[in-house]
N, C-alpha and C. Protein backbone atom coordinates (compact mmCIF):
# COMPACT_ATOMS: atom_id res chain seq x y z
N MET A 1 27.74 -29.95 -56.58
CA MET A 1 28.09 -29.84 -58.27
C MET A 1 29.53 -29.68 -58.21
N GLY A 2 30.33 -29.31 -57.32
CA GLY A 2 31.45 -29.04 -57.87
C GLY A 2 32.25 -30.05 -57.90
N GLY A 3 32.42 -31.21 -56.91
CA GLY A 3 33.45 -31.92 -56.60
C GLY A 3 32.71 -32.87 -58.01
N ASN A 4 31.67 -33.01 -58.62
CA ASN A 4 31.46 -34.20 -59.44
C ASN A 4 31.26 -32.94 -60.70
N ALA A 5 32.28 -31.52 -60.88
CA ALA A 5 32.20 -30.79 -62.50
C ALA A 5 33.00 -31.72 -63.41
N PRO A 6 34.15 -32.58 -62.80
CA PRO A 6 34.96 -32.95 -63.43
C PRO A 6 34.36 -34.25 -64.64
N VAL A 7 33.53 -34.66 -63.51
CA VAL A 7 32.96 -35.75 -63.94
C VAL A 7 31.75 -35.78 -65.03
N ILE A 8 31.09 -34.66 -64.57
CA ILE A 8 29.80 -34.05 -65.53
C ILE A 8 30.52 -33.32 -66.74
N ILE A 9 31.44 -32.36 -66.66
CA ILE A 9 32.25 -31.66 -67.71
C ILE A 9 32.83 -33.17 -68.72
N GLY A 10 33.38 -34.03 -67.96
CA GLY A 10 33.90 -35.28 -68.87
C GLY A 10 32.86 -36.41 -69.54
N ALA A 11 31.54 -36.40 -69.42
CA ALA A 11 30.85 -37.17 -70.20
C ALA A 11 30.17 -37.00 -70.74
N VAL A 12 30.04 -35.22 -71.02
CA VAL A 12 29.96 -34.52 -72.47
C VAL A 12 30.34 -33.94 -73.07
N GLU A 13 30.36 -34.12 -74.35
CA GLU A 13 31.23 -33.14 -75.43
C GLU A 13 30.60 -32.34 -76.26
N GLY A 14 31.25 -31.83 -77.28
CA GLY A 14 30.61 -30.98 -78.14
C GLY A 14 30.10 -29.77 -77.68
N PRO A 15 29.04 -29.65 -77.89
CA PRO A 15 28.29 -28.54 -77.21
C PRO A 15 27.23 -28.56 -76.62
N SER A 16 26.96 -30.00 -75.64
CA SER A 16 26.68 -30.02 -74.49
C SER A 16 27.61 -29.80 -73.44
N ARG A 17 28.81 -29.93 -74.24
CA ARG A 17 29.95 -29.68 -73.48
C ARG A 17 30.50 -27.92 -72.87
N MET A 18 30.02 -26.74 -74.24
CA MET A 18 29.83 -25.75 -74.34
C MET A 18 28.60 -25.05 -73.34
N VAL A 19 28.06 -25.77 -73.26
CA VAL A 19 26.32 -25.59 -72.37
C VAL A 19 26.90 -25.94 -70.53
N ALA A 20 27.09 -26.71 -70.27
CA ALA A 20 27.31 -27.82 -69.11
C ALA A 20 28.65 -26.92 -68.23
N GLY A 21 29.90 -26.35 -69.07
CA GLY A 21 30.86 -26.21 -68.26
C GLY A 21 30.54 -24.15 -67.61
N PRO A 22 30.06 -23.96 -68.32
CA PRO A 22 29.90 -22.63 -68.43
C PRO A 22 28.39 -22.60 -67.51
N ALA A 23 27.63 -23.35 -67.40
CA ALA A 23 26.54 -23.38 -66.19
C ALA A 23 26.57 -24.13 -64.86
N LEU A 24 27.49 -24.36 -65.06
CA LEU A 24 28.30 -25.36 -63.62
C LEU A 24 29.22 -23.96 -63.38
N LEU A 25 30.32 -23.09 -64.07
CA LEU A 25 30.79 -22.31 -63.51
C LEU A 25 29.94 -20.79 -62.68
N LEU A 26 29.29 -20.92 -63.84
CA LEU A 26 27.88 -19.51 -63.08
C LEU A 26 27.51 -19.95 -61.23
N ALA A 27 27.14 -21.09 -61.61
CA ALA A 27 26.13 -22.31 -60.30
C ALA A 27 26.98 -21.71 -58.93
N LEU A 28 28.21 -21.94 -59.26
CA LEU A 28 29.32 -21.90 -58.36
C LEU A 28 29.64 -20.35 -57.88
N VAL A 29 30.05 -19.23 -58.63
CA VAL A 29 29.46 -18.34 -58.65
C VAL A 29 28.23 -18.05 -57.92
N CYS A 30 26.94 -18.16 -58.38
CA CYS A 30 26.04 -17.39 -57.59
C CYS A 30 25.57 -18.25 -55.95
N LEU A 31 25.99 -19.71 -56.23
CA LEU A 31 26.25 -19.77 -54.79
C LEU A 31 27.42 -19.41 -53.72
N THR A 32 28.28 -18.94 -54.13
CA THR A 32 29.18 -18.26 -53.22
C THR A 32 28.55 -17.02 -53.24
N ILE A 33 28.12 -16.56 -54.44
CA ILE A 33 27.75 -14.79 -53.39
C ILE A 33 26.63 -15.12 -52.27
N THR A 34 25.79 -16.10 -52.99
CA THR A 34 24.19 -16.83 -51.65
C THR A 34 24.98 -16.99 -50.16
N VAL A 35 25.78 -17.47 -50.42
CA VAL A 35 26.45 -17.99 -48.77
C VAL A 35 27.71 -16.47 -48.76
N SER A 36 28.39 -15.81 -49.45
CA SER A 36 28.92 -14.57 -48.58
C SER A 36 28.01 -13.57 -48.52
N VAL A 37 26.93 -12.98 -49.18
CA VAL A 37 26.19 -11.92 -48.62
C VAL A 37 24.91 -12.93 -47.09
N ALA A 38 25.13 -14.06 -46.81
CA ALA A 38 24.48 -14.68 -46.25
C ALA A 38 25.14 -13.80 -44.42
N ILE A 39 26.08 -14.31 -45.36
CA ILE A 39 27.25 -14.31 -44.12
C ILE A 39 26.99 -12.34 -43.56
N TRP A 40 27.66 -12.24 -44.42
CA TRP A 40 28.28 -10.81 -44.66
C TRP A 40 26.44 -9.88 -43.88
N GLY A 41 25.76 -10.35 -44.37
CA GLY A 41 24.44 -9.56 -44.41
C GLY A 41 23.98 -10.14 -42.59
N ALA A 42 24.22 -10.87 -41.83
CA ALA A 42 24.28 -11.20 -40.47
C ALA A 42 24.85 -10.96 -39.71
N SER A 43 25.87 -10.74 -40.33
CA SER A 43 27.11 -10.69 -39.07
C SER A 43 27.53 -9.24 -39.27
N THR A 44 27.05 -7.80 -40.04
CA THR A 44 27.55 -6.63 -40.24
C THR A 44 27.84 -6.12 -38.68
N PRO A 45 28.39 -5.47 -37.92
CA PRO A 45 28.18 -5.06 -36.82
C PRO A 45 27.35 -3.91 -36.88
N LYS A 46 26.81 -4.15 -35.53
CA LYS A 46 24.96 -3.32 -35.78
C LYS A 46 25.39 -1.61 -34.79
N GLN A 47 25.40 -0.61 -34.69
CA GLN A 47 24.76 0.82 -33.95
C GLN A 47 24.07 0.37 -32.56
N PHE A 48 24.58 0.83 -31.87
CA PHE A 48 24.06 1.09 -30.00
C PHE A 48 23.53 2.62 -30.18
N SER A 49 22.35 2.82 -29.50
CA SER A 49 21.42 4.23 -29.55
C SER A 49 22.79 5.18 -28.67
N ALA A 50 22.47 6.35 -28.53
CA ALA A 50 22.49 7.26 -28.33
C ALA A 50 23.13 7.37 -26.58
N VAL A 51 22.21 7.01 -26.08
CA VAL A 51 21.75 6.92 -24.35
C VAL A 51 22.13 5.42 -24.17
N ALA A 52 22.58 6.26 -23.03
CA ALA A 52 23.36 4.30 -22.01
C ALA A 52 21.94 3.99 -21.40
N ALA A 53 21.95 2.86 -20.54
CA ALA A 53 20.79 2.59 -20.05
C ALA A 53 21.49 3.59 -18.94
N ASP A 54 22.37 3.33 -17.95
CA ASP A 54 22.98 3.92 -16.84
C ASP A 54 22.48 5.49 -17.01
N GLU A 55 22.45 6.16 -18.33
CA GLU A 55 21.75 7.58 -18.34
C GLU A 55 20.21 7.72 -17.58
N ILE A 56 19.62 6.72 -18.53
CA ILE A 56 18.01 6.55 -17.96
C ILE A 56 17.23 6.45 -17.28
N ALA A 57 18.70 4.99 -16.79
CA ALA A 57 17.87 4.97 -15.10
C ALA A 57 18.19 6.21 -14.08
N ASN A 58 18.91 7.57 -14.37
CA ASN A 58 19.21 8.76 -14.13
C ASN A 58 18.07 9.54 -14.09
N TYR A 59 17.44 8.80 -14.93
CA TYR A 59 16.17 10.10 -15.36
C TYR A 59 15.02 9.71 -13.99
N ARG A 60 14.89 8.71 -13.29
CA ARG A 60 14.36 8.66 -11.61
C ARG A 60 15.09 9.53 -11.09
N SER A 61 15.51 9.75 -10.96
CA SER A 61 16.26 9.75 -9.60
C SER A 61 16.16 11.56 -9.23
N ASP A 62 16.56 12.62 -8.13
CA ASP A 62 15.99 13.26 -7.52
C ASP A 62 16.35 14.62 -8.42
N ARG A 63 17.63 14.28 -8.43
CA ARG A 63 18.48 15.58 -9.67
C ARG A 63 17.96 15.84 -10.37
N PHE A 64 17.54 14.48 -11.41
CA PHE A 64 16.58 15.18 -12.66
C PHE A 64 15.24 15.24 -12.46
N LEU A 65 14.60 14.73 -11.30
CA LEU A 65 13.08 14.80 -11.10
C LEU A 65 12.82 16.59 -10.95
N ALA A 66 13.65 17.59 -10.02
CA ALA A 66 14.01 18.40 -9.35
C ALA A 66 14.16 19.49 -10.75
N GLU A 67 14.60 18.70 -11.90
CA GLU A 67 15.45 19.75 -12.46
C GLU A 67 14.19 20.39 -12.79
N PRO A 68 14.32 22.55 -12.79
CA PRO A 68 13.20 23.04 -13.30
C PRO A 68 13.08 23.04 -14.54
N ASP A 69 14.62 22.56 -15.39
CA ASP A 69 14.51 22.46 -17.06
C ASP A 69 13.62 21.12 -17.69
N LEU A 70 13.27 20.57 -17.08
CA LEU A 70 12.66 18.93 -17.09
C LEU A 70 12.30 18.53 -18.78
N TRP A 71 11.60 19.06 -19.08
CA TRP A 71 11.47 19.62 -20.59
C TRP A 71 13.26 19.51 -21.57
N ARG A 72 14.07 19.68 -21.07
CA ARG A 72 15.29 19.62 -21.76
C ARG A 72 15.69 17.95 -21.86
N VAL A 73 15.20 16.95 -21.12
CA VAL A 73 15.66 16.25 -20.48
C VAL A 73 14.67 14.94 -21.45
N HIS A 74 13.38 15.33 -21.49
CA HIS A 74 12.81 14.47 -22.64
C HIS A 74 12.48 15.25 -23.90
N LEU A 75 12.99 15.94 -24.44
CA LEU A 75 13.74 16.24 -25.66
C LEU A 75 15.04 15.46 -25.92
N ARG A 76 16.02 15.28 -25.39
CA ARG A 76 17.20 14.21 -25.13
C ARG A 76 16.62 13.23 -25.33
N SER A 77 15.72 12.59 -24.57
CA SER A 77 14.68 11.02 -24.61
C SER A 77 14.51 10.95 -26.12
N ILE A 78 13.49 11.97 -26.52
CA ILE A 78 13.22 11.62 -27.71
C ILE A 78 14.46 11.71 -28.85
N LYS A 79 15.53 12.54 -28.76
CA LYS A 79 15.67 12.87 -29.90
C LYS A 79 16.90 11.24 -30.45
N ALA A 80 16.97 10.34 -28.54
CA ALA A 80 17.68 9.32 -29.07
C ALA A 80 16.98 8.09 -29.11
N LEU A 81 15.88 8.49 -28.92
CA LEU A 81 14.57 7.21 -29.45
C LEU A 81 14.38 7.06 -30.53
N GLU A 82 14.62 8.81 -31.43
CA GLU A 82 14.45 8.43 -32.77
C GLU A 82 15.91 8.12 -33.02
N GLU A 83 17.30 8.19 -32.84
CA GLU A 83 17.93 7.34 -33.88
C GLU A 83 18.02 6.15 -33.45
N ALA A 84 17.73 5.80 -32.03
CA ALA A 84 17.92 4.43 -32.29
C ALA A 84 16.55 3.90 -33.25
N THR A 85 15.18 4.17 -32.95
CA THR A 85 14.43 3.81 -34.26
C THR A 85 14.36 4.20 -35.38
N ARG A 86 15.72 5.15 -36.02
CA ARG A 86 16.19 5.07 -37.11
C ARG A 86 16.80 4.23 -37.20
N ASP A 87 18.39 3.69 -36.30
CA ASP A 87 19.09 2.54 -36.10
C ASP A 87 18.76 0.94 -36.85
N ALA A 88 17.90 0.95 -35.87
CA ALA A 88 17.51 -0.44 -36.18
C ALA A 88 16.30 -0.29 -37.53
N GLN A 89 15.57 0.62 -37.83
CA GLN A 89 15.33 0.64 -38.95
C GLN A 89 15.66 0.58 -40.32
N GLU A 90 17.20 1.19 -40.16
CA GLU A 90 18.11 1.40 -41.45
C GLU A 90 18.68 -0.45 -41.53
N ASP A 91 19.28 -0.97 -39.90
CA ASP A 91 19.49 -2.30 -39.85
C ASP A 91 18.75 -3.84 -40.78
N GLY A 92 17.34 -3.55 -40.55
CA GLY A 92 16.52 -3.94 -40.44
C GLY A 92 16.38 -3.74 -41.97
N ASN A 93 16.25 -2.88 -43.39
CA ASN A 93 16.18 -2.89 -44.16
C ASN A 93 17.50 -3.59 -44.72
N ALA A 94 18.71 -3.41 -44.26
CA ALA A 94 19.81 -3.88 -44.69
C ALA A 94 20.04 -5.63 -44.65
N ALA A 95 19.25 -5.88 -43.56
CA ALA A 95 19.34 -7.79 -43.09
C ALA A 95 18.00 -8.05 -44.41
N ALA A 96 16.70 -7.40 -44.32
CA ALA A 96 15.74 -7.28 -45.89
C ALA A 96 17.15 -7.53 -47.37
N THR A 97 17.21 -6.60 -47.33
CA THR A 97 17.96 -6.58 -48.70
C THR A 97 18.82 -7.13 -49.19
N ALA A 98 19.66 -7.80 -47.39
CA ALA A 98 20.75 -9.04 -48.14
C ALA A 98 19.91 -9.98 -47.99
N ILE A 99 18.61 -10.99 -47.65
CA ILE A 99 17.91 -11.65 -47.54
C ILE A 99 18.08 -12.50 -49.52
N SER A 100 17.58 -10.54 -49.60
CA SER A 100 16.73 -10.52 -51.21
C SER A 100 17.94 -10.84 -51.97
N ILE A 101 18.84 -10.35 -51.76
CA ILE A 101 20.35 -10.59 -52.50
C ILE A 101 20.71 -11.98 -52.43
N SER A 102 20.44 -12.93 -51.42
CA SER A 102 20.81 -14.46 -51.24
C SER A 102 19.90 -14.93 -52.05
N LEU A 103 18.80 -14.78 -51.84
CA LEU A 103 18.12 -15.58 -52.72
C LEU A 103 17.94 -16.16 -53.75
N ARG A 104 18.14 -14.53 -54.44
CA ARG A 104 18.38 -14.60 -55.88
C ARG A 104 19.33 -15.51 -56.06
N ALA A 105 20.50 -15.02 -55.90
CA ALA A 105 21.92 -15.44 -56.13
C ALA A 105 21.51 -17.26 -56.14
N PHE A 106 20.88 -17.77 -55.10
CA PHE A 106 20.40 -19.15 -54.47
C PHE A 106 19.83 -19.48 -55.83
N LEU A 107 18.79 -19.32 -56.09
CA LEU A 107 18.19 -19.46 -57.02
C LEU A 107 18.70 -19.29 -58.69
N GLY A 108 19.18 -18.34 -59.03
CA GLY A 108 19.98 -18.49 -60.34
C GLY A 108 21.03 -19.57 -59.86
N GLY A 109 21.53 -19.86 -59.03
CA GLY A 109 22.67 -21.33 -58.85
C GLY A 109 21.87 -22.27 -59.15
N LEU A 110 20.93 -22.38 -58.07
CA LEU A 110 20.31 -23.60 -58.43
C LEU A 110 19.82 -23.70 -59.92
N GLY A 111 19.20 -22.50 -60.50
CA GLY A 111 18.67 -22.71 -62.10
C GLY A 111 20.32 -23.48 -62.75
N PHE A 112 21.27 -22.25 -62.77
CA PHE A 112 22.37 -23.05 -63.39
C PHE A 112 22.67 -24.65 -62.93
N SER A 113 23.21 -24.76 -61.84
CA SER A 113 22.46 -26.44 -62.04
C SER A 113 21.70 -27.36 -62.33
N LEU A 114 20.60 -26.43 -62.80
CA LEU A 114 19.46 -27.90 -62.61
C LEU A 114 20.06 -27.23 -64.66
N ILE A 115 19.86 -26.70 -65.19
CA ILE A 115 20.89 -26.05 -66.23
C ILE A 115 21.51 -27.38 -66.82
N SER A 116 22.72 -27.45 -65.69
CA SER A 116 24.43 -28.49 -66.38
C SER A 116 24.20 -30.36 -66.24
N LEU A 117 22.60 -30.14 -65.06
CA LEU A 117 22.08 -31.59 -65.01
C LEU A 117 21.04 -31.98 -66.60
N ALA A 118 20.52 -30.65 -66.22
CA ALA A 118 19.56 -31.45 -67.89
C ALA A 118 20.39 -31.68 -69.07
N THR A 119 21.57 -30.52 -69.54
CA THR A 119 22.42 -31.22 -70.08
C THR A 119 23.05 -32.82 -70.14
N LEU A 120 23.68 -32.85 -68.93
CA LEU A 120 23.91 -33.83 -68.93
C LEU A 120 23.45 -35.21 -69.17
N VAL A 121 21.88 -34.85 -68.65
CA VAL A 121 20.94 -35.83 -68.56
C VAL A 121 20.56 -36.24 -70.39
N LEU A 122 20.61 -35.23 -70.95
CA LEU A 122 20.62 -34.82 -72.58
C LEU A 122 20.99 -35.46 -73.20
N GLU A 123 22.10 -35.84 -72.83
CA GLU A 123 23.78 -35.82 -73.68
C GLU A 123 23.76 -37.45 -73.26
N LEU A 124 22.90 -37.96 -72.36
CA LEU A 124 22.98 -39.67 -71.88
C LEU A 124 21.99 -40.36 -72.60
N ILE A 125 21.10 -39.55 -72.88
CA ILE A 125 19.77 -40.07 -73.17
C ILE A 125 20.00 -40.57 -74.71
């Protein structure tokens, strides 16, 4: 649509131009939002869990198994698991929101493009 905008705008006159021009501009804005949100939503840095894999591997060692207060290790593990689960859930929700915004912007851009094309077709008929 962007490359053909001058042709479309030049082919229509009067009120049709007042419809086609803003429709093309709004289509461009919506489709730009679509790409921006889709890329931003997919490439945002993700958080890591609070417990390293090496630390979890140490839980099998004799040092931890012989620990008299082993319940402390379990509490730390449960807390880290809760944080990791919460982070994963928040990342999933953020990605779903980005996809939803991107889809709405895409459909808006598509609709404005169709309005512009319909205006052109009606003008030419």
